[in-house]
Amino acid sequence: MSDAQQRIDDLVKQNEVLLFMKGSASFPMCGFSGRAIQLLKACGVDTKDVKTVNVLDDAEIRQGIKEYSNWPTIPQLFVKGEFIGGSDIMMEMYESGELHQVLGGAPAA
């Protein structure tokens, strides 16, 4: 396992809610990352409780996360060590109520 893969693996295992994104929770730097943050907020998640990793700060992480999850796009959400998906998957899960359940909340009414 490369250094970047090991760092990613450690982050995934050590953080309950982890979002690899472009920018930060307070300043997303692409629309998809912004949507991912908004979906987390809509599920009642305090973004202070979300570990975010700005992939724009580290080229090895930006490429490594795509290999780690076998998913080609950013953002990528992990919950309790499990890869959930990108913003499109998050949106589908939000609409079905599944994202609320994964994040530990009750489904939206």
C-alpha atoms as a PDB file:
ATOM      1  CA  MET A   1       0.000   0.000   0.000  1.00  0.00           C
ATOM      2  CA  SER A   2       1.424   3.379  -1.002  1.00  0.00           C
ATOM      3  CA  ASP A   3       1.882   6.198   1.503  1.00  0.00           C
ATOM      4  CA  ALA A   4      -1.158   8.034   0.086  1.00  0.00           C
ATOM      5  CA  GLN A   5      -3.271   4.861   0.249  1.00  0.00           C
ATOM      6  CA  GLN A   6      -2.198   4.315   3.862  1.00  0.00           C
ATOM      7  CA  ARG A   7      -3.074   7.909   4.794  1.00  0.00           C
ATOM      8  CA  ILE A   8      -6.493   7.517   3.120  1.00  0.00           C
ATOM      9  CA  ASP A   9      -7.101   4.186   4.854  1.00  0.00           C
ATOM     10  CA  ASP A  10      -6.224   5.726   8.243  1.00  0.00           C
ATOM     11  CA  LEU A  11      -8.599   8.659   7.624  1.00  0.00           C
ATOM     12  CA  VAL A  12     -11.432   6.343   6.569  1.00  0.00           C
ATOM     13  CA  LYS A  13     -11.010   4.147   9.652  1.00  0.00           C
ATOM     14  CA  GLN A  14     -10.561   7.001  12.151  1.00  0.00           C
ATOM     15  CA  ASN A  15     -13.480   9.265  11.174  1.00  0.00           C
ATOM     16  CA  GLU A  16     -17.154   8.404  11.488  1.00  0.00           C
ATOM     17  CA  VAL A  17     -18.206  10.788   8.696  1.00  0.00           C
ATOM     18  CA  LEU A  18     -15.508  11.641   6.162  1.00  0.00           C
ATOM     19  CA  LEU A  19     -15.891  13.638   2.955  1.00  0.00           C
ATOM     20  CA  PHE A  20     -13.152  13.917   0.367  1.00  0.00           C
ATOM     21  CA  MET A  21     -14.061  17.099  -1.479  1.00  0.00           C
ATOM     22  CA  LYS A  22     -12.796  20.135  -3.334  1.00  0.00           C
ATOM     23  CA  GLY A  23     -12.505  22.915  -0.777  1.00  0.00           C
ATOM     24  CA  SER A  24     -13.872  22.778   2.760  1.00  0.00           C
ATOM     25  CA  ALA A  25     -17.270  22.497   4.419  1.00  0.00           C
ATOM     26  CA  SER A  26     -17.343  26.267   4.896  1.00  0.00           C
ATOM     27  CA  PHE A  27     -15.989  27.016   1.419  1.00  0.00           C
ATOM     28  CA  PRO A  28     -16.705  24.281  -1.167  1.00  0.00           C
ATOM     29  CA  MET A  29     -14.771  24.850  -4.381  1.00  0.00           C
ATOM     30  CA  CYS A  30     -17.051  23.021  -6.804  1.00  0.00           C
ATOM     31  CA  GLY A  31     -20.785  22.575  -7.152  1.00  0.00           C
ATOM     32  CA  PHE A  32     -20.731  18.848  -6.463  1.00  0.00           C
ATOM     33  CA  SER A  33     -18.803  19.327  -3.214  1.00  0.00           C
ATOM     34  CA  GLY A  34     -21.196  22.112  -2.246  1.00  0.00           C
ATOM     35  CA  ARG A  35     -24.160  19.846  -2.901  1.00  0.00           C
ATOM     36  CA  ALA A  36     -22.616  17.081  -0.781  1.00  0.00           C
ATOM     37  CA  ILE A  37     -22.249  19.484   2.164  1.00  0.00           C
ATOM     38  CA  GLN A  38     -25.836  20.713   1.718  1.00  0.00           C
ATOM     39  CA  LEU A  39     -27.126  17.128   1.696  1.00  0.00           C
ATOM     40  CA  LEU A  40     -25.262  16.359   4.926  1.00  0.00           C
ATOM     41  CA  LYS A  41     -26.748  19.488   6.517  1.00  0.00           C
ATOM     42  CA  ALA A  42     -30.220  18.533   5.266  1.00  0.00           C
ATOM     43  CA  CYS A  43     -29.794  15.215   7.080  1.00  0.00           C
ATOM     44  CA  GLY A  44     -29.116  17.087  10.309  1.00  0.00           C
ATOM     45  CA  VAL A  45     -25.365  16.540  10.325  1.00  0.00           C
ATOM     46  CA  ASP A  46     -23.363  19.375  11.888  1.00  0.00           C
ATOM     47  CA  THR A  47     -20.533  19.978   9.413  1.00  0.00           C
ATOM     48  CA  LYS A  48     -18.211  20.519  12.384  1.00  0.00           C
ATOM     49  CA  ASP A  49     -18.645  16.787  13.018  1.00  0.00           C
ATOM     50  CA  VAL A  50     -17.633  15.904   9.449  1.00  0.00           C
ATOM     51  CA  LYS A  51     -13.974  15.377   8.670  1.00  0.00           C
ATOM     52  CA  THR A  52     -13.335  16.928   5.270  1.00  0.00           C
ATOM     53  CA  VAL A  53     -10.229  16.457   3.166  1.00  0.00           C
ATOM     54  CA  ASN A  54      -9.544  19.075   0.505  1.00  0.00           C
ATOM     55  CA  VAL A  55      -8.197  17.035  -2.405  1.00  0.00           C
ATOM     56  CA  LEU A  56      -6.996  20.232  -4.089  1.00  0.00           C
ATOM     57  CA  ASP A  57      -4.305  20.493  -1.396  1.00  0.00           C
ATOM     58  CA  ASP A  58      -2.718  17.125  -2.155  1.00  0.00           C
ATOM     59  CA  ALA A  59      -2.366  15.584  -5.627  1.00  0.00           C
ATOM     60  CA  GLU A  60      -1.475  12.171  -4.174  1.00  0.00           C
ATOM     61  CA  ILE A  61      -4.674  12.108  -2.125  1.00  0.00           C
ATOM     62  CA  ARG A  62      -6.723  13.434  -5.074  1.00  0.00           C
ATOM     63  CA  GLN A  63      -5.593  10.525  -7.262  1.00  0.00           C
ATOM     64  CA  GLY A  64      -5.263   8.013  -4.443  1.00  0.00           C
ATOM     65  CA  ILE A  65      -8.851   8.326  -3.255  1.00  0.00           C
ATOM     66  CA  LYS A  66     -10.099   7.435  -6.729  1.00  0.00           C
ATOM     67  CA  GLU A  67      -8.038   4.245  -6.614  1.00  0.00           C
ATOM     68  CA  TYR A  68      -8.895   3.498  -2.983  1.00  0.00           C
ATOM     69  CA  SER A  69     -12.649   3.592  -3.560  1.00  0.00           C
ATOM     70  CA  ASN A  70     -12.554   2.580  -7.224  1.00  0.00           C
ATOM     71  CA  TRP A  71     -14.739   5.656  -7.867  1.00  0.00           C
ATOM     72  CA  PRO A  72     -13.671   8.201 -10.514  1.00  0.00           C
ATOM     73  CA  THR A  73     -15.106  11.440  -9.135  1.00  0.00           C
ATOM     74  CA  ILE A  74     -14.884  13.785  -6.165  1.00  0.00           C
ATOM     75  CA  PRO A  75     -16.579  14.277  -3.689  1.00  0.00           C
ATOM     76  CA  GLN A  76     -16.611  10.921  -1.958  1.00  0.00           C
ATOM     77  CA  LEU A  77     -18.451  10.208   1.270  1.00  0.00           C
ATOM     78  CA  PHE A  78     -17.439   7.550   3.791  1.00  0.00           C
ATOM     79  CA  VAL A  79     -19.556   6.739   6.849  1.00  0.00           C
ATOM     80  CA  LYS A  80     -18.214   4.424   9.567  1.00  0.00           C
ATOM     81  CA  GLY A  81     -15.482   3.199   7.236  1.00  0.00           C
ATOM     82  CA  GLU A  82     -17.857   2.371   4.391  1.00  0.00           C
ATOM     83  CA  PHE A  83     -17.753   4.096   1.009  1.00  0.00           C
ATOM     84  CA  ILE A  84     -21.176   5.613   0.328  1.00  0.00           C
ATOM     85  CA  GLY A  85     -20.658   7.387  -3.013  1.00  0.00           C
ATOM     86  CA  GLY A  86     -20.417  10.760  -4.686  1.00  0.00           C
ATOM     87  CA  SER A  87     -22.887  13.620  -4.781  1.00  0.00           C
ATOM     88  CA  ASP A  88     -25.253  11.910  -7.262  1.00  0.00           C
ATOM     89  CA  ILE A  89     -25.477   8.786  -5.101  1.00  0.00           C
ATOM     90  CA  MET A  90     -25.888  10.979  -2.010  1.00  0.00           C
ATOM     91  CA  MET A  91     -28.772  12.804  -3.722  1.00  0.00           C
ATOM     92  CA  GLU A  92     -30.523   9.550  -4.643  1.00  0.00           C
ATOM     93  CA  MET A  93     -30.065   8.248  -1.100  1.00  0.00           C
ATOM     94  CA  TYR A  94     -31.314  11.536   0.368  1.00  0.00           C
ATOM     95  CA  GLU A  95     -34.459  11.446  -1.771  1.00  0.00           C
ATOM     96  CA  SER A  96     -35.212   7.870  -0.696  1.00  0.00           C
ATOM     97  CA  GLY A  97     -34.490   8.577   2.990  1.00  0.00           C
ATOM     98  CA  GLU A  98     -31.589   6.143   2.993  1.00  0.00           C
ATOM     99  CA  LEU A  99     -28.918   8.819   3.570  1.00  0.00           C
ATOM    100  CA  HIS A 100     -30.619   9.825   6.839  1.00  0.00           C
ATOM    101  CA  GLN A 101     -30.513   6.200   7.975  1.00  0.00           C
ATOM    102  CA  VAL A 102     -26.848   5.724   7.026  1.00  0.00           C
ATOM    103  CA  LEU A 103     -25.933   8.872   8.941  1.00  0.00           C
ATOM    104  CA  GLY A 104     -27.799   7.601  11.983  1.00  0.00           C
ATOM    105  CA  GLY A 105     -30.913   9.761  11.803  1.00  0.00           C
ATOM    106  CA  ALA A 106     -34.538   9.060  11.175  1.00  0.00           C
ATOM    107  CA  PRO A 107     -35.731   9.227   7.571  1.00  0.00           C
ATOM    108  CA  ALA A 108     -37.168  12.526   6.388  1.00  0.00           C
ATOM    109  CA  ALA A 109     -40.908  12.831   6.678  1.00  0.00           C
END
